[in-house]
Amino acid sequence: LMGRYEKAKTYHKQALAIRLSQLGEKHPSI
């Protein structure tokens, strides 16, 4: 939302990696 897209992408990728490791592939958080 602040227009800092590369930083946003980095954080979203980190969040996705953690969620995949803890929740599996079919969770709503994924």
PDB file of all heavy atoms in Angstrom:
ATOM      1  N   LEU A   1       0.815  -1.209   0.000  1.00  0.00           N
ATOM      2  CA  LEU A   1       0.000   0.000   0.000  1.00  0.00           C
ATOM      3  C   LEU A   1       0.855   1.267   0.000  1.00  0.00           C
ATOM      4  O   LEU A   1       0.436   2.310  -0.507  1.00  0.00           O
ATOM      5  CB  LEU A   1      -0.926  -0.001   1.213  1.00  0.00           C
ATOM      6  CG  LEU A   1      -2.068  -1.018   1.158  1.00  0.00           C
ATOM      7  CD1 LEU A   1      -2.718  -1.169   2.525  1.00  0.00           C
ATOM      8  CD2 LEU A   1      -3.099  -0.613   0.117  1.00  0.00           C
ATOM      9  N   MET A   2       2.056   1.167   0.555  1.00  0.00           N
ATOM     10  CA  MET A   2       2.966   2.313   0.587  1.00  0.00           C
ATOM     11  C   MET A   2       3.762   2.439  -0.718  1.00  0.00           C
ATOM     12  O   MET A   2       4.578   3.350  -0.859  1.00  0.00           O
ATOM     13  CB  MET A   2       3.915   2.180   1.772  1.00  0.00           C
ATOM     14  CG  MET A   2       3.210   2.243   3.130  1.00  0.00           C
ATOM     15  SD  MET A   2       4.302   1.841   4.540  1.00  0.00           S
ATOM     16  CE  MET A   2       5.274   3.354   4.644  1.00  0.00           C
ATOM     17  N   GLY A   3       3.539   1.511  -1.652  1.00  0.00           N
ATOM     18  CA  GLY A   3       4.223   1.569  -2.935  1.00  0.00           C
ATOM     19  C   GLY A   3       5.627   1.000  -2.919  1.00  0.00           C
ATOM     20  O   GLY A   3       6.379   1.172  -3.883  1.00  0.00           O
ATOM     21  N   ARG A   4       5.987   0.285  -1.867  1.00  0.00           N
ATOM     22  CA  ARG A   4       7.333  -0.305  -1.749  1.00  0.00           C
ATOM     23  C   ARG A   4       7.217  -1.780  -2.124  1.00  0.00           C
ATOM     24  O   ARG A   4       7.221  -2.683  -1.283  1.00  0.00           O
ATOM     25  CB  ARG A   4       7.852  -0.086  -0.325  1.00  0.00           C
ATOM     26  CG  ARG A   4       7.995   1.404  -0.006  1.00  0.00           C
ATOM     27  CD  ARG A   4       8.049   1.709   1.480  1.00  0.00           C
ATOM     28  NE  ARG A   4       9.281   1.223   2.089  1.00  0.00           N
ATOM     29  CZ  ARG A   4       9.604   1.442   3.374  1.00  0.00           C
ATOM     30  NH1 ARG A   4       8.765   2.138   4.151  1.00  0.00           N
ATOM     31  NH2 ARG A   4      10.724   0.978   3.873  1.00  0.00           N
ATOM     32  N   TYR A   5       7.131  -2.018  -3.423  1.00  0.00           N
ATOM     33  CA  TYR A   5       6.701  -3.318  -3.918  1.00  0.00           C
ATOM     34  C   TYR A   5       7.732  -4.428  -3.711  1.00  0.00           C
ATOM     35  O   TYR A   5       7.365  -5.570  -3.413  1.00  0.00           O
ATOM     36  CB  TYR A   5       6.318  -3.209  -5.394  1.00  0.00           C
ATOM     37  CG  TYR A   5       5.180  -2.248  -5.657  1.00  0.00           C
ATOM     38  CD1 TYR A   5       5.223  -1.353  -6.722  1.00  0.00           C
ATOM     39  CD2 TYR A   5       4.063  -2.222  -4.816  1.00  0.00           C
ATOM     40  CE1 TYR A   5       4.181  -0.463  -6.952  1.00  0.00           C
ATOM     41  CE2 TYR A   5       3.024  -1.334  -5.038  1.00  0.00           C
ATOM     42  CZ  TYR A   5       3.087  -0.454  -6.111  1.00  0.00           C
ATOM     43  OH  TYR A   5       2.062   0.431  -6.334  1.00  0.00           O
ATOM     44  N   GLU A   6       8.996  -4.133  -3.878  1.00  0.00           N
ATOM     45  CA  GLU A   6      10.007  -5.176  -3.701  1.00  0.00           C
ATOM     46  C   GLU A   6      10.062  -5.633  -2.239  1.00  0.00           C
ATOM     47  O   GLU A   6      10.195  -6.834  -1.960  1.00  0.00           O
ATOM     48  CB  GLU A   6      11.382  -4.682  -4.165  1.00  0.00           C
ATOM     49  CG  GLU A   6      11.516  -4.595  -5.676  1.00  0.00           C
ATOM     50  CD  GLU A   6      11.196  -5.920  -6.371  1.00  0.00           C
ATOM     51  OE1 GLU A   6      11.726  -6.962  -5.932  1.00  0.00           O
ATOM     52  OE2 GLU A   6      10.416  -5.908  -7.332  1.00  0.00           O
ATOM     53  N   LYS A   7       9.952  -4.691  -1.339  1.00  0.00           N
ATOM     54  CA  LYS A   7       9.937  -5.038   0.074  1.00  0.00           C
ATOM     55  C   LYS A   7       8.686  -5.848   0.407  1.00  0.00           C
ATOM     56  O   LYS A   7       8.739  -6.823   1.181  1.00  0.00           O
ATOM     57  CB  LYS A   7       9.998  -3.772   0.928  1.00  0.00           C
ATOM     58  CG  LYS A   7      10.437  -4.005   2.366  1.00  0.00           C
ATOM     59  CD  LYS A   7      10.832  -2.693   3.037  1.00  0.00           C
ATOM     60  CE  LYS A   7      11.406  -2.963   4.429  1.00  0.00           C
ATOM     61  NZ  LYS A   7      11.881  -1.739   5.080  1.00  0.00           N
ATOM     62  N   ALA A   8       7.576  -5.457  -0.177  1.00  0.00           N
ATOM     63  CA  ALA A   8       6.327  -6.196   0.029  1.00  0.00           C
ATOM     64  C   ALA A   8       6.462  -7.631  -0.468  1.00  0.00           C
ATOM     65  O   ALA A   8       6.045  -8.583   0.212  1.00  0.00           O
ATOM     66  CB  ALA A   8       5.181  -5.491  -0.692  1.00  0.00           C
ATOM     67  N   LYS A   9       7.034  -7.793  -1.647  1.00  0.00           N
ATOM     68  CA  LYS A   9       7.185  -9.142  -2.211  1.00  0.00           C
ATOM     69  C   LYS A   9       8.065 -10.014  -1.331  1.00  0.00           C
ATOM     70  O   LYS A   9       7.766 -11.200  -1.103  1.00  0.00           O
ATOM     71  CB  LYS A   9       7.778  -9.046  -3.625  1.00  0.00           C
ATOM     72  CG  LYS A   9       7.922 -10.399  -4.315  1.00  0.00           C
ATOM     73  CD  LYS A   9       8.213 -10.245  -5.802  1.00  0.00           C
ATOM     74  CE  LYS A   9       9.547  -9.598  -6.065  1.00  0.00           C
ATOM     75  NZ  LYS A   9       9.873  -9.552  -7.494  1.00  0.00           N
ATOM     76  N   THR A  10       9.139  -9.452  -0.809  1.00  0.00           N
ATOM     77  CA  THR A  10      10.042 -10.211   0.068  1.00  0.00           C
ATOM     78  C   THR A  10       9.305 -10.725   1.298  1.00  0.00           C
ATOM     79  O   THR A  10       9.412 -11.908   1.659  1.00  0.00           O
ATOM     80  CB  THR A  10      11.227  -9.333   0.499  1.00  0.00           C
ATOM     81  OG1 THR A  10      11.989  -8.973  -0.650  1.00  0.00           O
ATOM     82  CG2 THR A  10      12.131 -10.092   1.466  1.00  0.00           C
ATOM     83  N   TYR A  11       8.520  -9.859   1.933  1.00  0.00           N
ATOM     84  CA  TYR A  11       7.797 -10.258   3.139  1.00  0.00           C
ATOM     85  C   TYR A  11       6.710 -11.292   2.813  1.00  0.00           C
ATOM     86  O   TYR A  11       6.500 -12.246   3.580  1.00  0.00           O
ATOM     87  CB  TYR A  11       7.191  -9.049   3.838  1.00  0.00           C
ATOM     88  CG  TYR A  11       8.164  -8.357   4.760  1.00  0.00           C
ATOM     89  CD1 TYR A  11       8.622  -7.065   4.498  1.00  0.00           C
ATOM     90  CD2 TYR A  11       8.625  -8.997   5.915  1.00  0.00           C
ATOM     91  CE1 TYR A  11       9.519  -6.431   5.357  1.00  0.00           C
ATOM     92  CE2 TYR A  11       9.522  -8.362   6.773  1.00  0.00           C
ATOM     93  CZ  TYR A  11       9.965  -7.085   6.483  1.00  0.00           C
ATOM     94  OH  TYR A  11      10.860  -6.474   7.336  1.00  0.00           O
ATOM     95  N   HIS A  12       6.018 -11.117   1.706  1.00  0.00           N
ATOM     96  CA  HIS A  12       4.975 -12.078   1.347  1.00  0.00           C
ATOM     97  C   HIS A  12       5.566 -13.451   1.038  1.00  0.00           C
ATOM     98  O   HIS A  12       4.968 -14.484   1.371  1.00  0.00           O
ATOM     99  CB  HIS A  12       4.159 -11.570   0.165  1.00  0.00           C
ATOM    100  CG  HIS A  12       3.125 -10.540   0.534  1.00  0.00           C
ATOM    101  ND1 HIS A  12       2.323 -10.665   1.648  1.00  0.00           N
ATOM    102  CD2 HIS A  12       2.769  -9.371  -0.063  1.00  0.00           C
ATOM    103  CE1 HIS A  12       1.516  -9.622   1.714  1.00  0.00           C
ATOM    104  NE2 HIS A  12       1.768  -8.831   0.705  1.00  0.00           N
ATOM    105  N   LYS A  13       6.711 -13.487   0.416  1.00  0.00           N
ATOM    106  CA  LYS A  13       7.363 -14.773   0.148  1.00  0.00           C
ATOM    107  C   LYS A  13       7.793 -15.457   1.450  1.00  0.00           C
ATOM    108  O   LYS A  13       7.666 -16.683   1.594  1.00  0.00           O
ATOM    109  CB  LYS A  13       8.574 -14.574  -0.769  1.00  0.00           C
ATOM    110  CG  LYS A  13       8.205 -14.341  -2.231  1.00  0.00           C
ATOM    111  CD  LYS A  13       9.449 -14.266  -3.100  1.00  0.00           C
ATOM    112  CE  LYS A  13       9.092 -14.194  -4.574  1.00  0.00           C
ATOM    113  NZ  LYS A  13      10.295 -14.142  -5.441  1.00  0.00           N
ATOM    114  N   GLN A  14       8.296 -14.664   2.397  1.00  0.00           N
ATOM    115  CA  GLN A  14       8.683 -15.230   3.688  1.00  0.00           C
ATOM    116  C   GLN A  14       7.464 -15.769   4.429  1.00  0.00           C
ATOM    117  O   GLN A  14       7.514 -16.852   5.029  1.00  0.00           O
ATOM    118  CB  GLN A  14       9.394 -14.163   4.528  1.00  0.00           C
ATOM    119  CG  GLN A  14      10.785 -13.806   4.023  1.00  0.00           C
ATOM    120  CD  GLN A  14      11.413 -12.677   4.829  1.00  0.00           C
ATOM    121  OE1 GLN A  14      10.787 -11.654   5.084  1.00  0.00           O
ATOM    122  NE2 GLN A  14      12.655 -12.857   5.238  1.00  0.00           N
ATOM    123  N   ALA A  15       6.370 -15.024   4.376  1.00  0.00           N
ATOM    124  CA  ALA A  15       5.141 -15.472   5.034  1.00  0.00           C
ATOM    125  C   ALA A  15       4.638 -16.762   4.401  1.00  0.00           C
ATOM    126  O   ALA A  15       4.228 -17.698   5.107  1.00  0.00           O
ATOM    127  CB  ALA A  15       4.077 -14.385   4.932  1.00  0.00           C
ATOM    128  N   LEU A  16       4.674 -16.826   3.076  1.00  0.00           N
ATOM    129  CA  LEU A  16       4.207 -18.021   2.372  1.00  0.00           C
ATOM    130  C   LEU A  16       5.043 -19.237   2.733  1.00  0.00           C
ATOM    131  O   LEU A  16       4.498 -20.327   2.984  1.00  0.00           O
ATOM    132  CB  LEU A  16       4.241 -17.782   0.861  1.00  0.00           C
ATOM    133  CG  LEU A  16       3.868 -18.984  -0.017  1.00  0.00           C
ATOM    134  CD1 LEU A  16       2.444 -19.444   0.273  1.00  0.00           C
ATOM    135  CD2 LEU A  16       4.015 -18.617  -1.500  1.00  0.00           C
ATOM    136  N   ALA A  17       6.348 -19.081   2.807  1.00  0.00           N
ATOM    137  CA  ALA A  17       7.227 -20.202   3.140  1.00  0.00           C
ATOM    138  C   ALA A  17       6.923 -20.748   4.531  1.00  0.00           C
ATOM    139  O   ALA A  17       6.856 -21.976   4.736  1.00  0.00           O
ATOM    140  CB  ALA A  17       8.685 -19.759   3.047  1.00  0.00           C
ATOM    141  N   ILE A  18       6.726 -19.849   5.493  1.00  0.00           N
ATOM    142  CA  ILE A  18       6.409 -20.282   6.854  1.00  0.00           C
ATOM    143  C   ILE A  18       5.066 -21.000   6.894  1.00  0.00           C
ATOM    144  O   ILE A  18       4.921 -22.069   7.497  1.00  0.00           O
ATOM    145  CB  ILE A  18       6.404 -19.076   7.817  1.00  0.00           C
ATOM    146  CG1 ILE A  18       7.816 -18.496   7.952  1.00  0.00           C
ATOM    147  CG2 ILE A  18       5.854 -19.473   9.191  1.00  0.00           C
ATOM    148  CD1 ILE A  18       7.857 -17.169   8.696  1.00  0.00           C
ATOM    149  N   ARG A  19       4.085 -20.433   6.241  1.00  0.00           N
ATOM    150  CA  ARG A  19       2.746 -21.022   6.269  1.00  0.00           C
ATOM    151  C   ARG A  19       2.720 -22.385   5.578  1.00  0.00           C
ATOM    152  O   ARG A  19       2.051 -23.313   6.053  1.00  0.00           O
ATOM    153  CB  ARG A  19       1.754 -20.055   5.618  1.00  0.00           C
ATOM    154  CG  ARG A  19       1.460 -18.840   6.492  1.00  0.00           C
ATOM    155  CD  ARG A  19       0.620 -17.789   5.794  1.00  0.00           C
ATOM    156  NE  ARG A  19       0.127 -16.815   6.749  1.00  0.00           N
ATOM    157  CZ  ARG A  19      -0.630 -15.764   6.425  1.00  0.00           C
ATOM    158  NH1 ARG A  19      -0.973 -15.551   5.161  1.00  0.00           N
ATOM    159  NH2 ARG A  19      -1.059 -14.936   7.364  1.00  0.00           N
ATOM    160  N   LEU A  20       3.432 -22.525   4.475  1.00  0.00           N
ATOM    161  CA  LEU A  20       3.495 -23.821   3.803  1.00  0.00           C
ATOM    162  C   LEU A  20       4.128 -24.870   4.715  1.00  0.00           C
ATOM    163  O   LEU A  20       3.665 -26.021   4.768  1.00  0.00           O
ATOM    164  CB  LEU A  20       4.283 -23.709   2.498  1.00  0.00           C
ATOM    165  CG  LEU A  20       3.545 -23.087   1.311  1.00  0.00           C
ATOM    166  CD1 LEU A  20       4.512 -22.808   0.168  1.00  0.00           C
ATOM    167  CD2 LEU A  20       2.412 -24.004   0.835  1.00  0.00           C
ATOM    168  N   SER A  21       5.162 -24.494   5.442  1.00  0.00           N
ATOM    169  CA  SER A  21       5.846 -25.452   6.317  1.00  0.00           C
ATOM    170  C   SER A  21       4.998 -25.842   7.517  1.00  0.00           C
ATOM    171  O   SER A  21       5.131 -26.960   8.033  1.00  0.00           O
ATOM    172  CB  SER A  21       7.186 -24.870   6.793  1.00  0.00           C
ATOM    173  OG  SER A  21       6.984 -23.807   7.710  1.00  0.00           O
ATOM    174  N   GLN A  22       4.108 -24.961   7.951  1.00  0.00           N
ATOM    175  CA  GLN A  22       3.331 -25.216   9.161  1.00  0.00           C
ATOM    176  C   GLN A  22       1.898 -25.676   8.891  1.00  0.00           C
ATOM    177  O   GLN A  22       1.312 -26.383   9.720  1.00  0.00           O
ATOM    178  CB  GLN A  22       3.281 -23.937  10.015  1.00  0.00           C
ATOM    179  CG  GLN A  22       4.631 -23.435  10.485  1.00  0.00           C
ATOM    180  CD  GLN A  22       5.327 -24.398  11.424  1.00  0.00           C
ATOM    181  OE1 GLN A  22       4.707 -24.967  12.315  1.00  0.00           O
ATOM    182  NE2 GLN A  22       6.615 -24.614  11.218  1.00  0.00           N
ATOM    183  N   LEU A  23       1.355 -25.313   7.743  1.00  0.00           N
ATOM    184  CA  LEU A  23      -0.072 -25.550   7.500  1.00  0.00           C
ATOM    185  C   LEU A  23      -0.363 -26.466   6.325  1.00  0.00           C
ATOM    186  O   LEU A  23      -1.506 -26.905   6.161  1.00  0.00           O
ATOM    187  CB  LEU A  23      -0.784 -24.203   7.267  1.00  0.00           C
ATOM    188  CG  LEU A  23      -0.693 -23.178   8.401  1.00  0.00           C
ATOM    189  CD1 LEU A  23      -1.272 -21.843   7.950  1.00  0.00           C
ATOM    190  CD2 LEU A  23      -1.413 -23.679   9.645  1.00  0.00           C
ATOM    191  N   GLY A  24       0.632 -26.737   5.493  1.00  0.00           N
ATOM    192  CA  GLY A  24       0.366 -27.518   4.294  1.00  0.00           C
ATOM    193  C   GLY A  24      -0.122 -26.647   3.152  1.00  0.00           C
ATOM    194  O   GLY A  24      -0.197 -25.423   3.274  1.00  0.00           O
ATOM    195  N   GLU A  25      -0.502 -27.262   2.054  1.00  0.00           N
ATOM    196  CA  GLU A  25      -0.773 -26.525   0.812  1.00  0.00           C
ATOM    197  C   GLU A  25      -2.213 -26.063   0.649  1.00  0.00           C
ATOM    198  O   GLU A  25      -2.498 -25.267  -0.250  1.00  0.00           O
ATOM    199  CB  GLU A  25      -0.396 -27.396  -0.390  1.00  0.00           C
ATOM    200  CG  GLU A  25       1.085 -27.743  -0.452  1.00  0.00           C
ATOM    201  CD  GLU A  25       1.424 -28.581  -1.663  1.00  0.00           C
ATOM    202  OE1 GLU A  25       0.485 -28.995  -2.381  1.00  0.00           O
ATOM    203  OE2 GLU A  25       2.618 -28.821  -1.913  1.00  0.00           O
ATOM    204  N   LYS A  26      -3.150 -26.538   1.462  1.00  0.00           N
ATOM    205  CA  LYS A  26      -4.566 -26.278   1.197  1.00  0.00           C
ATOM    206  C   LYS A  26      -5.242 -25.414   2.260  1.00  0.00           C
ATOM    207  O   LYS A  26      -6.460 -25.295   2.285  1.00  0.00           O
ATOM    208  CB  LYS A  26      -5.322 -27.619   1.084  1.00  0.00           C
ATOM    209  CG  LYS A  26      -4.871 -28.489  -0.075  1.00  0.00           C
ATOM    210  CD  LYS A  26      -5.145 -27.821  -1.412  1.00  0.00           C
ATOM    211  CE  LYS A  26      -4.762 -28.720  -2.572  1.00  0.00           C
ATOM    212  NZ  LYS A  26      -5.020 -28.051  -3.875  1.00  0.00           N
ATOM    213  N   HIS A  27      -4.475 -24.806   3.145  1.00  0.00           N
ATOM    214  CA  HIS A  27      -5.055 -23.991   4.211  1.00  0.00           C
ATOM    215  C   HIS A  27      -5.474 -22.620   3.658  1.00  0.00           C
ATOM    216  O   HIS A  27      -4.810 -22.077   2.766  1.00  0.00           O
ATOM    217  CB  HIS A  27      -4.028 -23.815   5.336  1.00  0.00           C
ATOM    218  CG  HIS A  27      -4.608 -23.288   6.600  1.00  0.00           C
ATOM    219  ND1 HIS A  27      -4.804 -21.939   6.820  1.00  0.00           N
ATOM    220  CD2 HIS A  27      -5.042 -23.920   7.718  1.00  0.00           C
ATOM    221  CE1 HIS A  27      -5.324 -21.772   8.017  1.00  0.00           C
ATOM    222  NE2 HIS A  27      -5.473 -22.951   8.593  1.00  0.00           N
ATOM    223  N   PRO A  28      -6.573 -22.026   4.180  1.00  0.00           N
ATOM    224  CA  PRO A  28      -6.980 -20.685   3.725  1.00  0.00           C
ATOM    225  C   PRO A  28      -5.882 -19.631   3.854  1.00  0.00           C
ATOM    226  O   PRO A  28      -5.838 -18.690   3.042  1.00  0.00           O
ATOM    227  CB  PRO A  28      -8.168 -20.362   4.637  1.00  0.00           C
ATOM    228  CG  PRO A  28      -8.754 -21.692   4.969  1.00  0.00           C
ATOM    229  CD  PRO A  28      -7.572 -22.623   5.087  1.00  0.00           C
ATOM    230  N   SER A  29      -5.000 -19.771   4.838  1.00  0.00           N
ATOM    231  CA  SER A  29      -3.901 -18.805   4.967  1.00  0.00           C
ATOM    232  C   SER A  29      -2.933 -18.892   3.794  1.00  0.00           C
ATOM    233  O   SER A  29      -2.317 -17.881   3.417  1.00  0.00           O
ATOM    234  CB  SER A  29      -3.148 -19.035   6.283  1.00  0.00           C
ATOM    235  OG  SER A  29      -3.955 -18.699   7.389  1.00  0.00           O
ATOM    236  N   ILE A  30      -2.803 -20.078   3.221  1.00  0.00           N
ATOM    237  CA  ILE A  30      -1.968 -20.227   2.017  1.00  0.00           C
ATOM    238  C   ILE A  30      -2.615 -19.483   0.859  1.00  0.00           C
ATOM    239  O   ILE A  30      -1.946 -18.781   0.086  1.00  0.00           O
ATOM    240  CB  ILE A  30      -1.780 -21.720   1.669  1.00  0.00           C
ATOM    241  CG1 ILE A  30      -1.174 -22.490   2.844  1.00  0.00           C
ATOM    242  CG2 ILE A  30      -0.920 -21.867   0.418  1.00  0.00           C
ATOM    243  CD1 ILE A  30       0.172 -22.011   3.295  1.00  0.00           C
TER     244      ILE A  30
END
